[in-house]
C-alpha atoms as a PDB file:
ATOM      1  CA  MET A   1     -18.821 -40.035 -28.465  1.00  0.00           C
ATOM      2  CA  LYS A   2     -17.485 -38.746 -25.341  1.00  0.00           C
ATOM      3  CA  ALA A   3     -19.264 -39.677 -22.276  1.00  0.00           C
ATOM      4  CA  PHE A   4     -21.738 -37.054 -20.137  1.00  0.00           C
ATOM      5  CA  PHE A   5     -20.516 -38.139 -17.113  1.00  0.00           C
ATOM      6  CA  THR A   6     -17.283 -39.902 -16.121  1.00  0.00           C
ATOM      7  CA  ALA A   7     -16.616 -41.975 -12.890  1.00  0.00           C
ATOM      8  CA  PRO A   8     -14.719 -38.722 -10.440  1.00  0.00           C
ATOM      9  CA  ASP A   9     -10.703 -40.203  -9.443  1.00  0.00           C
ATOM     10  CA  ILE A  10     -11.514 -41.073  -5.718  1.00  0.00           C
ATOM     11  CA  SER A  11      -7.974 -42.505  -4.880  1.00  0.00           C
ATOM     12  CA  GLY A  12      -6.932 -42.247  -1.511  1.00  0.00           C
ATOM     13  CA  LEU A  13      -8.365 -40.870   1.749  1.00  0.00           C
ATOM     14  CA  CYS A  14     -10.093 -37.843   2.708  1.00  0.00           C
ATOM     15  CA  HIS A  15      -8.078 -35.049   4.418  1.00  0.00           C
ATOM     16  CA  LYS A  16     -11.226 -33.700   6.374  1.00  0.00           C
ATOM     17  CA  CYS A  17     -13.039 -36.881   7.864  1.00  0.00           C
ATOM     18  CA  SER A  18     -10.153 -39.536   6.154  1.00  0.00           C
ATOM     19  CA  ILE A  19     -12.670 -42.401   4.870  1.00  0.00           C
ATOM     20  CA  ASP A  20     -10.562 -44.387   2.690  1.00  0.00           C
ATOM     21  CA  LEU A  21     -12.728 -43.471  -1.232  1.00  0.00           C
ATOM     22  CA  ASN A  22     -11.289 -46.033  -2.193  1.00  0.00           C
ATOM     23  CA  LYS A  23     -12.829 -48.836   0.123  1.00  0.00           C
ATOM     24  CA  ASP A  24     -15.601 -46.783   0.897  1.00  0.00           C
ATOM     25  CA  PHE A  25     -17.314 -45.209  -2.673  1.00  0.00           C
ATOM     26  CA  ALA A  26     -15.886 -48.169  -5.373  1.00  0.00           C
ATOM     27  CA  PRO A  27     -19.504 -49.378  -5.780  1.00  0.00           C
ATOM     28  CA  LEU A  28     -20.437 -45.888  -6.216  1.00  0.00           C
ATOM     29  CA  GLN A  29     -17.686 -45.908  -8.786  1.00  0.00           C
ATOM     30  CA  HIS A  30     -18.014 -48.970 -10.802  1.00  0.00           C
ATOM     31  CA  SER A  31     -22.219 -47.988 -10.818  1.00  0.00           C
ATOM     32  CA  LEU A  32     -21.609 -44.468 -12.693  1.00  0.00           C
ATOM     33  CA  VAL A  33     -18.874 -46.150 -15.463  1.00  0.00           C
ATOM     34  CA  ILE A  34     -21.535 -48.888 -16.390  1.00  0.00           C
ATOM     35  CA  ILE A  35     -24.552 -46.131 -16.077  1.00  0.00           C
ATOM     36  CA  SER A  36     -22.329 -43.838 -18.412  1.00  0.00           C
ATOM     37  CA  SER A  37     -21.325 -47.147 -20.653  1.00  0.00           C
ATOM     38  CA  VAL A  38     -25.607 -47.548 -20.769  1.00  0.00           C
ATOM     39  CA  SER A  39     -26.347 -44.368 -21.376  1.00  0.00           C
ATOM     40  CA  MET A  40     -23.608 -43.977 -25.218  1.00  0.00           C
ATOM     41  CA  LYS A  41     -25.147 -47.017 -26.139  1.00  0.00           C
ATOM     42  CA  ARG A  42     -28.509 -45.529 -25.576  1.00  0.00           C
ATOM     43  CA  ASP A  43     -26.528 -42.496 -27.634  1.00  0.00           C
ATOM     44  CA  TYR A  44     -26.004 -44.529 -30.879  1.00  0.00           C
ATOM     45  CA  ILE A  45     -29.676 -45.835 -31.103  1.00  0.00           C
ATOM     46  CA  ILE A  46     -30.640 -42.555 -30.486  1.00  0.00           C
ATOM     47  CA  TYR A  47     -28.377 -41.082 -33.659  1.00  0.00           C
ATOM     48  CA  THR A  48     -30.243 -44.292 -36.081  1.00  0.00           C
ATOM     49  CA  ILE A  49     -33.157 -43.687 -35.154  1.00  0.00           C
ATOM     50  CA  GLU A  50     -32.472 -40.374 -35.512  1.00  0.00           C
ATOM     51  CA  ALA A  51     -30.964 -40.279 -39.025  1.00  0.00           C
ATOM     52  CA  LEU A  52     -34.177 -43.629 -39.890  1.00  0.00           C
ATOM     53  CA  LEU A  53     -36.648 -40.550 -39.125  1.00  0.00           C
ATOM     54  CA  CYS A  54     -34.966 -37.440 -41.168  1.00  0.00           C
ATOM     55  CA  LEU A  55     -33.841 -39.477 -44.308  1.00  0.00           C
ATOM     56  CA  LEU A  56     -38.056 -41.235 -44.209  1.00  0.00           C
ATOM     57  CA  PHE A  57     -39.756 -37.332 -43.638  1.00  0.00           C
ATOM     58  CA  THR A  58     -37.176 -35.933 -46.075  1.00  0.00           C
ATOM     59  CA  TYR A  59     -37.749 -38.111 -48.236  1.00  0.00           C
ATOM     60  CA  ALA A  60     -41.569 -38.235 -48.209  1.00  0.00           C
ATOM     61  CA  ALA A  61     -41.740 -34.613 -47.982  1.00  0.00           C
ATOM     62  CA  ILE A  62     -39.384 -33.871 -51.076  1.00  0.00           C
ATOM     63  CA  SER A  63     -41.079 -36.753 -52.788  1.00  0.00           C
ATOM     64  CA  LYS A  64     -44.972 -34.527 -52.228  1.00  0.00           C
ATOM     65  CA  LEU A  65     -43.351 -31.254 -53.131  1.00  0.00           C
ATOM     66  CA  LEU A  66     -41.732 -32.778 -56.612  1.00  0.00           C
ATOM     67  CA  LYS A  67     -45.234 -34.497 -58.115  1.00  0.00           C
ATOM     68  CA  TYR A  68     -47.082 -32.120 -55.584  1.00  0.00           C
ATOM     69  CA  HIS A  69     -50.357 -31.852 -58.461  1.00  0.00           C
ATOM     70  CA  LEU A  70     -49.816 -36.022 -58.783  1.00  0.00           C
ATOM     71  CA  PHE A  71     -49.856 -36.174 -55.202  1.00  0.00           C
ATOM     72  CA  ARG A  72     -53.082 -33.582 -54.582  1.00  0.00           C
ATOM     73  CA  LEU A  73     -55.163 -35.433 -57.398  1.00  0.00           C
ATOM     74  CA  GLN A  74     -54.616 -38.618 -55.757  1.00  0.00           C
ATOM     75  CA  LEU A  75     -55.152 -37.504 -51.946  1.00  0.00           C
ATOM     76  CA  GLY A  76     -58.164 -36.515 -53.796  1.00  0.00           C
ATOM     77  CA  LYS A  77     -59.650 -39.577 -54.618  1.00  0.00           C
ATOM     78  CA  SER A  78     -59.706 -40.613 -51.077  1.00  0.00           C
ATOM     79  CA  PRO A  79     -62.936 -41.160 -49.607  1.00  0.00           C
ATOM     80  CA  PHE A  80     -62.118 -40.226 -45.857  1.00  0.00           C
ATOM     81  CA  ILE A  81     -60.196 -36.836 -47.448  1.00  0.00           C
ATOM     82  CA  THR A  82     -61.413 -35.889 -50.301  1.00  0.00           C
ATOM     83  CA  SER A  83     -62.874 -32.072 -49.202  1.00  0.00           C
ATOM     84  CA  ILE A  84     -59.511 -31.613 -46.817  1.00  0.00           C
ATOM     85  CA  ALA A  85     -57.127 -32.520 -50.306  1.00  0.00           C
ATOM     86  CA  GLY A  86     -56.120 -28.920 -51.220  1.00  0.00           C
ATOM     87  CA  PRO A  87     -55.438 -28.223 -47.701  1.00  0.00           C
ATOM     88  CA  ILE A  88     -53.363 -31.303 -46.690  1.00  0.00           C
ATOM     89  CA  ALA A  89     -51.263 -31.493 -49.672  1.00  0.00           C
ATOM     90  CA  LEU A  90     -49.809 -28.486 -49.089  1.00  0.00           C
ATOM     91  CA  ILE A  91     -49.118 -28.895 -45.396  1.00  0.00           C
ATOM     92  CA  LEU A  92     -48.253 -31.779 -45.363  1.00  0.00           C
ATOM     93  CA  PRO A  93     -45.167 -31.756 -46.917  1.00  0.00           C
ATOM     94  CA  VAL A  94     -44.532 -28.932 -44.172  1.00  0.00           C
ATOM     95  CA  ILE A  95     -45.488 -30.494 -41.040  1.00  0.00           C
ATOM     96  CA  GLU A  96     -43.073 -32.864 -42.773  1.00  0.00           C
ATOM     97  CA  LEU A  97     -39.970 -30.840 -43.126  1.00  0.00           C
ATOM     98  CA  LEU A  98     -41.063 -29.422 -39.573  1.00  0.00           C
ATOM     99  CA  THR A  99     -40.782 -32.382 -37.892  1.00  0.00           C
ATOM    100  CA  VAL A 100     -37.136 -33.406 -39.507  1.00  0.00           C
ATOM    101  CA  ALA A 101     -36.169 -30.023 -38.286  1.00  0.00           C
ATOM    102  CA  LEU A 102     -37.377 -30.468 -35.284  1.00  0.00           C
ATOM    103  CA  ILE A 103     -35.367 -34.465 -34.527  1.00  0.00           C
ATOM    104  CA  VAL A 104     -31.994 -32.532 -36.070  1.00  0.00           C
ATOM    105  CA  PHE A 105     -30.966 -30.620 -33.030  1.00  0.00           C
ATOM    106  CA  SER A 106     -30.783 -31.852 -29.528  1.00  0.00           C
ATOM    107  CA  THR A 107     -33.199 -29.360 -27.500  1.00  0.00           C
ATOM    108  CA  THR A 108     -35.748 -30.360 -29.960  1.00  0.00           C
ATOM    109  CA  ARG A 109     -35.300 -34.239 -30.195  1.00  0.00           C
ATOM    110  CA  LEU A 110     -37.492 -35.082 -28.078  1.00  0.00           C
ATOM    111  CA  LEU A 111     -40.671 -33.422 -29.035  1.00  0.00           C
ATOM    112  CA  GLY A 112     -39.980 -34.250 -32.678  1.00  0.00           C
ATOM    113  CA  PHE A 113     -40.204 -37.574 -31.897  1.00  0.00           C
ATOM    114  CA  TYR A 114     -43.442 -37.082 -30.822  1.00  0.00           C
ATOM    115  CA  ALA A 115     -44.398 -35.549 -33.750  1.00  0.00           C
ATOM    116  CA  ALA A 116     -42.862 -37.946 -35.820  1.00  0.00           C
ATOM    117  CA  LEU A 117     -44.384 -40.658 -33.124  1.00  0.00           C
ATOM    118  CA  PHE A 118     -48.120 -38.787 -34.071  1.00  0.00           C
ATOM    119  CA  LEU A 119     -47.308 -38.806 -37.943  1.00  0.00           C
ATOM    120  CA  MET A 120     -46.639 -42.214 -38.375  1.00  0.00           C
ATOM    121  CA  THR A 121     -49.985 -43.320 -36.174  1.00  0.00           C
ATOM    122  CA  LEU A 122     -51.846 -40.945 -37.942  1.00  0.00           C
ATOM    123  CA  PHE A 123     -50.560 -42.369 -41.891  1.00  0.00           C
ATOM    124  CA  THR A 124     -50.577 -46.174 -39.755  1.00  0.00           C
ATOM    125  CA  SER A 125     -54.055 -45.162 -39.284  1.00  0.00           C
ATOM    126  CA  TYR A 126     -55.264 -43.610 -41.961  1.00  0.00           C
ATOM    127  CA  ILE A 127     -53.970 -47.169 -43.469  1.00  0.00           C
ATOM    128  CA  PHE A 128     -55.570 -49.359 -41.974  1.00  0.00           C
ATOM    129  CA  ALA A 129     -58.700 -47.113 -42.481  1.00  0.00           C
ATOM    130  CA  MET A 130     -58.203 -47.892 -46.191  1.00  0.00           C
ATOM    131  CA  LEU A 131     -57.479 -51.465 -46.069  1.00  0.00           C
ATOM    132  CA  HIS A 132     -60.605 -52.199 -43.831  1.00  0.00           C
ATOM    133  CA  PHE A 133     -63.303 -48.934 -44.692  1.00  0.00           C
ATOM    134  CA  SER A 134     -62.957 -47.930 -47.830  1.00  0.00           C
ATOM    135  CA  TYR A 135     -64.391 -49.362 -51.503  1.00  0.00           C
ATOM    136  CA  TYR A 136     -61.450 -47.378 -53.250  1.00  0.00           C
ATOM    137  CA  ILE A 137     -57.535 -47.126 -52.278  1.00  0.00           C
ATOM    138  CA  PRO A 138     -56.199 -44.654 -54.203  1.00  0.00           C
ATOM    139  CA  CYS A 139     -52.196 -44.754 -54.285  1.00  0.00           C
ATOM    140  CA  VAL A 140     -50.755 -41.679 -52.831  1.00  0.00           C
ATOM    141  CA  CYS A 141     -47.338 -41.580 -51.825  1.00  0.00           C
ATOM    142  CA  GLY A 142     -44.418 -41.058 -53.872  1.00  0.00           C
ATOM    143  CA  GLY A 143     -40.929 -42.402 -55.148  1.00  0.00           C
ATOM    144  CA  LEU A 144     -40.247 -46.333 -53.700  1.00  0.00           C
ATOM    145  CA  LEU A 145     -43.135 -46.452 -51.197  1.00  0.00           C
ATOM    146  CA  SER A 146     -45.438 -46.682 -54.135  1.00  0.00           C
ATOM    147  CA  LYS A 147     -44.210 -49.808 -55.443  1.00  0.00           C
ATOM    148  CA  MET A 148     -46.055 -51.284 -52.295  1.00  0.00           C
ATOM    149  CA  ASP A 149     -48.448 -52.741 -51.820  1.00  0.00           C
ATOM    150  CA  TRP A 150     -51.046 -51.807 -49.268  1.00  0.00           C
ATOM    151  CA  ASP A 151     -50.321 -54.613 -46.275  1.00  0.00           C
ATOM    152  CA  GLN A 152     -46.756 -53.736 -47.182  1.00  0.00           C
ATOM    153  CA  HIS A 153     -47.018 -50.504 -46.388  1.00  0.00           C
ATOM    154  CA  LEU A 154     -49.115 -50.966 -43.439  1.00  0.00           C
ATOM    155  CA  ILE A 155     -46.002 -53.379 -41.849  1.00  0.00           C
ATOM    156  CA  PHE A 156     -43.641 -50.736 -43.086  1.00  0.00           C
ATOM    157  CA  ASN A 157     -45.278 -47.825 -41.443  1.00  0.00           C
ATOM    158  CA  ILE A 158     -45.982 -49.829 -37.873  1.00  0.00           C
ATOM    159  CA  VAL A 159     -42.460 -50.811 -37.660  1.00  0.00           C
ATOM    160  CA  PHE A 160     -41.694 -47.016 -37.969  1.00  0.00           C
ATOM    161  CA  THR A 161     -44.678 -46.380 -35.293  1.00  0.00           C
ATOM    162  CA  VAL A 162     -42.447 -48.744 -33.266  1.00  0.00           C
ATOM    163  CA  ILE A 163     -39.377 -47.072 -34.035  1.00  0.00           C
ATOM    164  CA  ALA A 164     -40.283 -43.567 -33.499  1.00  0.00           C
ATOM    165  CA  LEU A 165     -42.008 -44.606 -30.608  1.00  0.00           C
ATOM    166  CA  VAL A 166     -38.108 -45.787 -28.967  1.00  0.00           C
ATOM    167  CA  GLY A 167     -37.046 -42.700 -30.245  1.00  0.00           C
ATOM    168  CA  VAL A 168     -39.626 -40.678 -27.647  1.00  0.00           C
ATOM    169  CA  MET A 169     -38.930 -43.105 -25.193  1.00  0.00           C
ATOM    170  CA  LEU A 170     -34.872 -43.354 -25.268  1.00  0.00           C
ATOM    171  CA  GLU A 171     -34.373 -39.865 -25.130  1.00  0.00           C
ATOM    172  CA  SER A 172     -36.843 -38.959 -22.599  1.00  0.00           C
ATOM    173  CA  MET A 173     -34.155 -41.522 -20.478  1.00  0.00           C
ATOM    174  CA  ASN A 174     -31.039 -39.177 -22.035  1.00  0.00           C
ATOM    175  CA  ARG A 175     -33.065 -36.570 -20.667  1.00  0.00           C
ATOM    176  CA  LEU A 176     -33.736 -37.802 -16.841  1.00  0.00           C
ATOM    177  CA  ILE A 177     -30.772 -39.556 -16.137  1.00  0.00           C
ATOM    178  CA  PRO A 178     -28.009 -36.530 -15.954  1.00  0.00           C
ATOM    179  CA  GLU A 179     -30.445 -35.600 -13.073  1.00  0.00           C
ATOM    180  CA  TYR A 180     -30.633 -39.326 -11.635  1.00  0.00           C
ATOM    181  CA  GLN A 181     -26.662 -39.272 -12.008  1.00  0.00           C
ATOM    182  CA  LYS A 182     -26.497 -35.727 -10.393  1.00  0.00           C
ATOM    183  CA  GLU A 183     -28.637 -36.405  -7.451  1.00  0.00           C
ATOM    184  CA  GLN A 184     -27.026 -39.750  -6.499  1.00  0.00           C
ATOM    185  CA  ALA A 185     -23.806 -38.126  -6.706  1.00  0.00           C
ATOM    186  CA  ILE A 186     -24.952 -34.827  -4.517  1.00  0.00           C
ATOM    187  CA  LYS A 187     -26.868 -37.565  -1.944  1.00  0.00           C
ATOM    188  CA  THR A 188     -23.404 -39.774  -1.947  1.00  0.00           C
ATOM    189  CA  GLY A 189     -21.411 -36.245  -1.253  1.00  0.00           C
ATOM    190  CA  VAL A 190     -19.088 -37.347  -4.215  1.00  0.00           C
ATOM    191  CA  ILE A 191     -20.312 -33.613  -5.258  1.00  0.00           C
END
């Protein structure tokens, strides 16, 4: 992976003002190399988070769509959303796939991470409410997630909520650091 910002070659003397660039700008060059290295590690973490969230939401949406009638029937048994189970059964897989599409493209990734965080917070809150306030707990998850009990599912959702939150934080930092690097380069006269 190519670093976004590499330290400029500042060897020798400045022809205009006779400043020793090696001595005067060496700390800046060193800090830019460190920032570039940290940025690359951050990018790998972001790509891992992107892959995990895309896999989760794609799998969940496809499972719901392939067994739509069963998903709608089980959702209708939920004591909290019985009256709106039909629209939710249609809209939820579409929103999950739209979230995947937002995450995949770098220009919309931050928005996608926010959407994933919102969905995971919503799903986690729903499971918590079901565990603590419901007399009946229907199984509305498909595929492998249906093999988990509700407590395991709550922990799974909390983990993915944290993953989405870390994605939001790191992607936000990625958008701020290039601007910071540019400002520092301008202030020190490198650019």
